[in-house]
């Protein structure tokens, strides 16, 4: 009988250790995912760099918008991140479309968008 009790206790301890370890591992992974969200960090950096404008992340593009008299955003600059392409900036109507291979720095964006914003 004591062998059966010891076996059950050992089984319960192993199950508790497994549950605790799995819970901690999931928390660690979720914290890493939260810390390693470059698009959210980039959105905040762009907003700080251009405080007079509204910055929106939509459809894998970052848009620097001006709010018009009807309280609607008018897109001025589109920023897209394409790792396969080189840096490309082109004007399309009133908008400026900027494609970057990596997330650009604030000084680089200020140089590129300076005469448009």
N, C-alpha and C. Protein backbone atom coordinates (compact mmCIF):
# COMPACT_ATOMS: atom_id res chain seq x y z
N UNK A 1 0.81 -1.19 0.00
CA UNK A 1 0.00 0.00 0.00
C UNK A 1 0.86 1.26 0.00
N UNK A 2 1.94 1.29 0.73
CA UNK A 2 2.79 2.47 0.78
C UNK A 2 3.44 2.73 -0.58
N UNK A 3 3.70 1.68 -1.35
CA UNK A 3 4.26 1.86 -2.69
C UNK A 3 3.25 2.55 -3.59
N UNK A 4 1.98 2.23 -3.46
CA UNK A 4 0.95 2.85 -4.27
C UNK A 4 0.79 4.33 -3.90
N UNK A 5 0.84 4.65 -2.63
CA UNK A 5 0.73 6.03 -2.18
C UNK A 5 1.91 6.84 -2.68
N UNK A 6 3.11 6.28 -2.58
CA UNK A 6 4.32 6.97 -3.06
C UNK A 6 4.24 7.21 -4.57
N UNK A 7 3.73 6.24 -5.30
CA UNK A 7 3.60 6.37 -6.74
C UNK A 7 2.62 7.50 -7.10
N UNK A 8 1.50 7.57 -6.40
CA UNK A 8 0.50 8.61 -6.65
C UNK A 8 1.07 9.99 -6.30
N UNK A 9 1.76 10.08 -5.17
CA UNK A 9 2.37 11.36 -4.78
C UNK A 9 3.42 11.80 -5.79
N UNK A 10 4.24 10.88 -6.25
CA UNK A 10 5.24 11.19 -7.26
C UNK A 10 4.59 11.66 -8.55
N UNK A 11 3.52 11.01 -8.93
CA UNK A 11 2.79 11.39 -10.14
C UNK A 11 2.19 12.80 -10.01
N UNK A 12 1.65 13.11 -8.85
CA UNK A 12 1.08 14.45 -8.61
C UNK A 12 2.17 15.52 -8.66
N UNK A 13 3.31 15.25 -8.07
CA UNK A 13 4.42 16.20 -8.08
C UNK A 13 4.91 16.44 -9.51
N UNK A 14 5.02 15.38 -10.29
CA UNK A 14 5.46 15.52 -11.68
C UNK A 14 4.46 16.34 -12.50
N UNK A 15 3.19 16.12 -12.28
CA UNK A 15 2.16 16.88 -13.00
C UNK A 15 2.23 18.36 -12.61
N UNK A 16 2.39 18.66 -11.33
CA UNK A 16 2.51 20.05 -10.87
C UNK A 16 3.74 20.73 -11.47
N UNK A 17 4.86 20.03 -11.47
CA UNK A 17 6.08 20.61 -12.07
C UNK A 17 5.89 20.88 -13.56
N UNK A 18 5.24 19.98 -14.25
CA UNK A 18 5.00 20.15 -15.68
C UNK A 18 4.11 21.38 -15.93
N UNK A 19 3.05 21.52 -15.16
CA UNK A 19 2.13 22.64 -15.32
C UNK A 19 2.83 23.96 -15.02
N UNK A 20 3.60 24.01 -13.94
CA UNK A 20 4.32 25.23 -13.58
C UNK A 20 5.35 25.59 -14.64
N UNK A 21 6.11 24.63 -15.13
CA UNK A 21 7.14 24.89 -16.13
C UNK A 21 6.51 25.36 -17.43
N UNK A 22 5.43 24.74 -17.84
CA UNK A 22 4.77 25.12 -19.09
C UNK A 22 4.19 26.52 -18.99
N UNK A 23 3.62 26.89 -17.87
CA UNK A 23 3.07 28.22 -17.67
C UNK A 23 4.13 29.29 -17.71
N UNK A 24 5.28 29.05 -17.09
CA UNK A 24 6.38 30.02 -17.13
C UNK A 24 6.93 30.16 -18.53
N UNK A 25 7.03 29.08 -19.26
CA UNK A 25 7.57 29.12 -20.62
C UNK A 25 6.64 29.93 -21.52
N UNK A 26 5.34 29.78 -21.38
CA UNK A 26 4.40 30.56 -22.17
C UNK A 26 4.48 32.04 -21.84
N UNK A 27 4.64 32.37 -20.56
CA UNK A 27 4.78 33.77 -20.16
C UNK A 27 6.05 34.38 -20.73
N UNK A 28 7.13 33.64 -20.73
CA UNK A 28 8.38 34.13 -21.28
C UNK A 28 8.23 34.38 -22.77
N UNK A 29 7.60 33.46 -23.49
CA UNK A 29 7.41 33.63 -24.93
C UNK A 29 6.51 34.82 -25.23
N UNK A 30 5.47 35.02 -24.46
CA UNK A 30 4.58 36.16 -24.72
C UNK A 30 5.29 37.47 -24.41
N UNK A 31 6.15 37.51 -23.39
CA UNK A 31 6.91 38.72 -23.10
C UNK A 31 7.88 39.03 -24.23
N UNK A 32 8.52 38.02 -24.80
CA UNK A 32 9.44 38.24 -25.92
C UNK A 32 8.68 38.77 -27.12
N UNK A 33 7.52 38.22 -27.38
CA UNK A 33 6.73 38.69 -28.52
C UNK A 33 6.31 40.14 -28.31
N UNK A 34 6.00 40.50 -27.08
CA UNK A 34 5.59 41.87 -26.80
C UNK A 34 6.76 42.83 -26.97
N UNK A 35 7.94 42.41 -26.51
CA UNK A 35 9.12 43.26 -26.61
C UNK A 35 9.63 43.36 -28.03
N UNK A 36 9.44 42.33 -28.84
CA UNK A 36 10.03 42.29 -30.15
C UNK A 36 9.01 42.61 -31.25
N UNK A 37 8.19 43.60 -31.04
CA UNK A 37 7.23 44.03 -32.05
C UNK A 37 7.78 45.30 -32.69
N UNK A 38 8.56 45.15 -33.75
CA UNK A 38 9.22 46.33 -34.32
C UNK A 38 8.25 47.32 -34.95
N UNK A 39 7.12 46.84 -35.46
CA UNK A 39 6.20 47.77 -36.10
C UNK A 39 5.58 48.72 -35.10
N UNK A 40 5.26 48.23 -33.90
CA UNK A 40 4.71 49.11 -32.87
C UNK A 40 5.75 50.13 -32.42
N UNK A 41 6.99 49.69 -32.24
CA UNK A 41 8.05 50.60 -31.84
C UNK A 41 8.29 51.64 -32.93
N UNK A 42 8.27 51.21 -34.19
CA UNK A 42 8.49 52.12 -35.30
C UNK A 42 7.35 53.14 -35.39
N UNK A 43 6.14 52.70 -35.17
CA UNK A 43 4.99 53.59 -35.20
C UNK A 43 5.14 54.69 -34.14
N UNK A 44 5.57 54.32 -32.96
CA UNK A 44 5.76 55.29 -31.89
C UNK A 44 6.89 56.26 -32.21
N UNK A 45 7.98 55.75 -32.81
CA UNK A 45 9.10 56.62 -33.18
C UNK A 45 8.69 57.63 -34.23
N UNK A 46 7.94 57.18 -35.23
CA UNK A 46 7.50 58.10 -36.28
C UNK A 46 6.56 59.15 -35.71
N UNK A 47 5.68 58.74 -34.80
CA UNK A 47 4.75 59.69 -34.19
C UNK A 47 5.51 60.74 -33.39
N UNK A 48 6.57 60.34 -32.68
CA UNK A 48 7.38 61.30 -31.93
C UNK A 48 8.17 62.21 -32.85
N UNK A 49 8.61 61.68 -33.99
CA UNK A 49 9.40 62.48 -34.93
C UNK A 49 8.55 63.52 -35.65
N UNK A 50 7.29 63.18 -35.93
CA UNK A 50 6.39 64.08 -36.64
C UNK A 50 5.12 64.29 -35.81
N UNK A 51 5.22 65.06 -34.72
CA UNK A 51 4.07 65.18 -33.81
C UNK A 51 2.91 65.98 -34.40
N UNK A 52 3.13 66.77 -35.43
CA UNK A 52 2.05 67.57 -36.01
C UNK A 52 1.12 66.73 -36.88
N UNK A 53 1.52 65.51 -37.18
CA UNK A 53 0.75 64.65 -38.06
C UNK A 53 0.28 63.41 -37.32
N UNK A 54 -0.71 62.75 -37.88
CA UNK A 54 -1.22 61.49 -37.31
C UNK A 54 -0.56 60.35 -38.08
N UNK A 55 -0.06 59.36 -37.36
CA UNK A 55 0.60 58.21 -37.97
C UNK A 55 -0.29 56.99 -37.79
N UNK A 56 -0.56 56.29 -38.89
CA UNK A 56 -1.45 55.13 -38.88
C UNK A 56 -0.73 53.94 -39.49
N UNK A 57 -0.89 52.76 -38.89
CA UNK A 57 -0.35 51.52 -39.44
C UNK A 57 -1.52 50.74 -40.02
N UNK A 58 -1.50 50.55 -41.34
CA UNK A 58 -2.62 49.89 -42.00
C UNK A 58 -2.11 49.15 -43.23
N UNK A 59 -2.51 47.90 -43.38
CA UNK A 59 -2.16 47.09 -44.56
C UNK A 59 -0.66 47.05 -44.82
N UNK A 60 0.10 46.76 -43.80
CA UNK A 60 1.56 46.64 -43.89
C UNK A 60 2.23 47.93 -44.36
N UNK A 61 1.58 49.07 -44.15
CA UNK A 61 2.17 50.37 -44.50
C UNK A 61 1.95 51.32 -43.34
N UNK A 62 2.88 52.23 -43.19
CA UNK A 62 2.76 53.28 -42.19
C UNK A 62 2.41 54.56 -42.94
N UNK A 63 1.37 55.23 -42.52
CA UNK A 63 0.92 56.42 -43.21
C UNK A 63 1.06 57.62 -42.30
N UNK A 64 1.69 58.65 -42.79
CA UNK A 64 1.74 59.92 -42.09
C UNK A 64 0.64 60.77 -42.70
N UNK A 65 -0.34 61.12 -41.89
CA UNK A 65 -1.56 61.78 -42.38
C UNK A 65 -1.72 63.15 -41.76
N UNK A 66 -2.41 63.99 -42.50
CA UNK A 66 -2.82 65.29 -42.01
C UNK A 66 -4.34 65.24 -41.84
N UNK A 67 -4.84 65.78 -40.77
CA UNK A 67 -6.27 65.76 -40.51
C UNK A 67 -6.90 66.97 -41.21
N UNK A 68 -7.88 66.73 -42.09
CA UNK A 68 -8.50 67.82 -42.83
C UNK A 68 -9.63 68.46 -42.03
N UNK A 69 -10.34 69.39 -42.65
CA UNK A 69 -11.40 70.13 -41.95
C UNK A 69 -12.60 69.26 -41.59
N UNK A 70 -12.75 68.09 -42.22
CA UNK A 70 -13.84 67.17 -41.88
C UNK A 70 -13.40 66.10 -40.88
N UNK A 71 -12.23 66.29 -40.31
CA UNK A 71 -11.65 65.37 -39.33
C UNK A 71 -11.36 64.01 -39.94
N UNK A 72 -10.97 64.00 -41.20
CA UNK A 72 -10.58 62.78 -41.91
C UNK A 72 -9.09 62.83 -42.19
N UNK A 73 -8.42 61.69 -42.12
CA UNK A 73 -6.98 61.70 -42.42
C UNK A 73 -6.72 61.76 -43.93
N UNK A 74 -5.83 62.66 -44.33
CA UNK A 74 -5.38 62.75 -45.71
C UNK A 74 -3.94 62.25 -45.74
N UNK A 75 -3.71 61.18 -46.48
CA UNK A 75 -2.39 60.57 -46.52
C UNK A 75 -1.40 61.48 -47.24
N UNK A 76 -0.28 61.74 -46.59
CA UNK A 76 0.78 62.54 -47.19
C UNK A 76 1.95 61.66 -47.56
N UNK A 77 2.34 60.75 -46.64
CA UNK A 77 3.49 59.88 -46.86
C UNK A 77 3.10 58.44 -46.54
N UNK A 78 3.40 57.53 -47.47
CA UNK A 78 3.28 56.09 -47.23
C UNK A 78 4.68 55.54 -47.01
N UNK A 79 4.87 54.79 -45.95
CA UNK A 79 6.15 54.13 -45.68
C UNK A 79 5.90 52.64 -45.71
N UNK A 80 6.59 51.94 -46.58
CA UNK A 80 6.46 50.48 -46.67
C UNK A 80 7.84 49.87 -46.46
N UNK A 81 7.84 48.70 -45.82
CA UNK A 81 9.08 47.97 -45.57
C UNK A 81 9.08 46.74 -46.46
N UNK A 82 9.96 46.73 -47.46
CA UNK A 82 10.14 45.60 -48.37
C UNK A 82 11.59 45.14 -48.28
N UNK A 83 11.87 44.04 -47.58
CA UNK A 83 13.26 43.60 -47.43
C UNK A 83 13.95 43.23 -48.75
N UNK A 84 13.18 42.87 -49.78
CA UNK A 84 13.78 42.43 -51.03
C UNK A 84 14.21 43.61 -51.91
N UNK A 85 13.67 44.81 -51.68
CA UNK A 85 13.94 45.94 -52.55
C UNK A 85 14.92 46.91 -51.92
N UNK A 86 15.50 47.75 -52.77
CA UNK A 86 16.35 48.81 -52.25
C UNK A 86 15.49 50.03 -51.93
N UNK A 87 16.10 51.03 -51.35
CA UNK A 87 15.36 52.23 -50.96
C UNK A 87 14.83 52.92 -52.22
N UNK A 88 13.55 53.28 -52.18
CA UNK A 88 12.93 53.92 -53.33
C UNK A 88 11.92 54.94 -52.82
N UNK A 89 12.02 56.17 -53.30
CA UNK A 89 11.09 57.22 -52.91
C UNK A 89 10.53 57.83 -54.19
N UNK A 90 9.20 57.85 -54.28
CA UNK A 90 8.57 58.44 -55.47
C UNK A 90 7.34 59.24 -55.06
N UNK A 91 7.04 60.23 -55.88
CA UNK A 91 5.89 61.08 -55.62
C UNK A 91 4.75 60.63 -56.52
N UNK A 92 3.57 60.48 -55.93
CA UNK A 92 2.39 60.06 -56.67
C UNK A 92 1.25 61.02 -56.32
N UNK A 93 1.03 62.01 -57.18
CA UNK A 93 0.03 63.02 -56.87
C UNK A 93 0.48 63.86 -55.71
N UNK A 94 -0.33 63.93 -54.68
CA UNK A 94 0.02 64.68 -53.48
C UNK A 94 0.78 63.82 -52.46
N UNK A 95 0.79 62.52 -52.70
CA UNK A 95 1.41 61.59 -51.75
C UNK A 95 2.86 61.31 -52.12
N UNK A 96 3.60 60.94 -51.10
CA UNK A 96 4.98 60.48 -51.26
C UNK A 96 5.00 59.03 -50.84
N UNK A 97 5.51 58.14 -51.70
CA UNK A 97 5.57 56.71 -51.38
C UNK A 97 7.03 56.36 -51.17
N UNK A 98 7.36 55.87 -49.97
CA UNK A 98 8.73 55.53 -49.62
C UNK A 98 8.81 54.05 -49.29
N UNK A 99 9.63 53.32 -50.04
CA UNK A 99 9.88 51.90 -49.78
C UNK A 99 11.29 51.76 -49.23
N UNK A 100 11.41 51.08 -48.10
CA UNK A 100 12.70 50.88 -47.45
C UNK A 100 12.94 49.38 -47.27
N UNK A 101 14.21 48.94 -47.33
CA UNK A 101 14.51 47.53 -47.08
C UNK A 101 14.45 47.17 -45.58
N UNK A 102 14.71 48.14 -44.72
CA UNK A 102 14.62 47.95 -43.27
C UNK A 102 13.91 49.17 -42.68
N UNK A 103 13.63 49.12 -41.39
CA UNK A 103 12.99 50.26 -40.76
C UNK A 103 13.97 51.44 -40.78
N UNK A 104 13.57 52.57 -41.36
CA UNK A 104 14.49 53.71 -41.46
C UNK A 104 14.65 54.42 -40.12
N UNK A 105 15.75 55.14 -40.00
CA UNK A 105 15.98 55.92 -38.80
C UNK A 105 15.19 57.22 -38.89
N UNK A 106 15.05 57.87 -37.77
CA UNK A 106 14.30 59.13 -37.73
C UNK A 106 15.01 60.19 -38.56
N UNK A 107 16.33 60.29 -38.46
CA UNK A 107 17.06 61.30 -39.23
C UNK A 107 16.95 61.04 -40.73
N UNK A 108 16.96 59.78 -41.12
CA UNK A 108 16.81 59.44 -42.53
C UNK A 108 15.44 59.85 -43.04
N UNK A 109 14.40 59.61 -42.25
CA UNK A 109 13.05 60.00 -42.66
C UNK A 109 12.92 61.52 -42.73
N UNK A 110 13.50 62.22 -41.77
CA UNK A 110 13.43 63.68 -41.80
C UNK A 110 14.13 64.24 -43.03
N UNK A 111 15.24 63.63 -43.43
CA UNK A 111 15.92 64.06 -44.67
C UNK A 111 15.06 63.78 -45.89
N UNK A 112 14.47 62.58 -45.93
CA UNK A 112 13.70 62.17 -47.10
C UNK A 112 12.37 62.91 -47.22
N UNK A 113 11.70 63.16 -46.10
CA UNK A 113 10.38 63.77 -46.14
C UNK A 113 10.39 65.25 -45.81
N UNK A 114 11.54 65.83 -45.57
CA UNK A 114 11.64 67.21 -45.09
C UNK A 114 10.91 68.21 -45.95
N UNK A 115 11.05 68.15 -47.26
CA UNK A 115 10.42 69.16 -48.11
C UNK A 115 8.95 68.87 -48.36
N UNK A 116 8.45 67.68 -47.97
CA UNK A 116 7.04 67.34 -48.18
C UNK A 116 6.20 67.57 -46.94
N UNK A 117 6.82 67.53 -45.77
CA UNK A 117 6.05 67.69 -44.54
C UNK A 117 6.27 69.07 -43.94
